[in-house]
Amino acid sequence: MASRYVSLQEAAEMLAVSAKTVRRFIAKGDLPAYTLGKRGAGSGRPIRIRVDDLATLLHRIPTSGDDRAHGEGAED
């Protein structure tokens, strides 16, 4: 199945952050981004981001029902 790509603004909306924050993720290397053509991101070409890569930025927060949230199951 082909990867789905979204615009910078769409990625920001999906993550519920600003486009500026998405640009920071890209600049820090936390989020891969792509442009069409040979020139880089500073060329004014639209930036595209893989939806699958957005999922890597999301981390599960332990809930009170999780064993690890209570310290159980952790190695000493």
Protein backbone atom coordinates (compact mmCIF):
# COMPACT_ATOMS: atom_id res chain seq x y z
CA MET A 1 0.00 0.00 0.00
CA ALA A 2 1.33 3.45 -0.91
CA SER A 3 2.21 5.91 1.82
CA ARG A 4 -0.10 8.87 2.31
CA TYR A 5 1.46 12.32 2.44
CA VAL A 6 -0.02 15.50 3.91
CA SER A 7 0.91 19.18 3.78
CA LEU A 8 2.65 21.00 6.61
CA GLN A 9 -0.65 22.58 7.68
CA GLU A 10 -2.50 19.25 7.57
CA ALA A 11 0.23 17.66 9.69
CA ALA A 12 -0.10 20.48 12.21
CA GLU A 13 -3.85 19.97 12.41
CA MET A 14 -3.46 16.22 12.85
CA LEU A 15 -1.03 16.75 15.74
CA ALA A 16 -3.05 19.67 17.18
CA VAL A 17 0.00 21.96 17.08
CA SER A 18 1.02 24.96 14.99
CA ALA A 19 2.75 24.72 11.62
CA LYS A 20 5.73 26.41 13.29
CA THR A 21 5.97 23.52 15.76
CA VAL A 22 5.91 21.00 12.91
CA ARG A 23 8.74 22.95 11.24
CA ARG A 24 10.71 22.69 14.51
CA PHE A 25 10.20 18.90 14.57
CA ILE A 26 11.53 18.77 11.01
CA ALA A 27 14.51 21.04 11.77
CA LYS A 28 15.47 18.94 14.83
CA GLY A 29 15.31 15.77 12.77
CA ASP A 30 12.38 14.37 14.77
CA LEU A 31 10.09 14.32 11.73
CA PRO A 32 11.16 13.43 8.19
CA ALA A 33 9.78 15.72 5.49
CA TYR A 34 9.90 15.65 1.71
CA THR A 35 9.68 18.03 -1.25
CA LEU A 36 9.18 17.23 -4.90
CA GLY A 37 12.23 17.91 -7.03
CA LYS A 38 15.95 18.23 -6.46
CA ARG A 39 16.11 21.42 -4.43
CA GLY A 40 15.84 21.40 -0.64
CA ALA A 41 13.18 22.61 1.77
CA GLY A 42 14.31 26.24 1.44
CA SER A 43 13.39 26.27 -2.24
CA GLY A 44 9.81 27.37 -1.64
CA ARG A 45 8.49 24.01 -2.80
CA PRO A 46 5.63 22.56 -0.74
CA ILE A 47 6.70 20.30 2.11
CA ARG A 48 5.03 16.90 2.40
CA ILE A 49 5.01 14.65 5.46
CA ARG A 50 4.15 10.95 5.64
CA VAL A 51 1.18 10.22 7.89
CA ASP A 52 3.03 7.15 9.22
CA ASP A 53 5.87 9.42 10.38
CA LEU A 54 3.40 11.58 12.34
CA ALA A 55 2.44 8.53 14.39
CA THR A 56 6.04 8.16 15.59
CA LEU A 57 5.78 11.52 17.34
CA LEU A 58 2.84 10.37 19.42
CA HIS A 59 3.71 8.53 22.63
CA ARG A 60 1.29 6.60 24.79
CA ILE A 61 0.80 8.08 28.25
CA PRO A 62 0.45 5.45 31.00
CA THR A 63 -2.93 5.43 32.74
CA SER A 64 -3.72 4.50 36.32
CA GLY A 65 -4.74 1.02 35.14
CA ASP A 66 -1.29 0.29 33.71
CA ASP A 67 1.05 -1.85 35.83
CA ARG A 68 3.98 0.40 35.03
CA ALA A 69 2.09 3.46 36.27
CA HIS A 70 2.11 1.84 39.74
CA GLY A 71 5.69 0.68 39.54
CA GLU A 72 4.67 -2.97 39.19
CA GLY A 73 6.52 -5.06 36.68
CA ALA A 74 9.48 -2.71 36.64
CA GLU A 75 12.90 -4.24 37.08
CA ASP A 76 14.90 -3.19 40.13
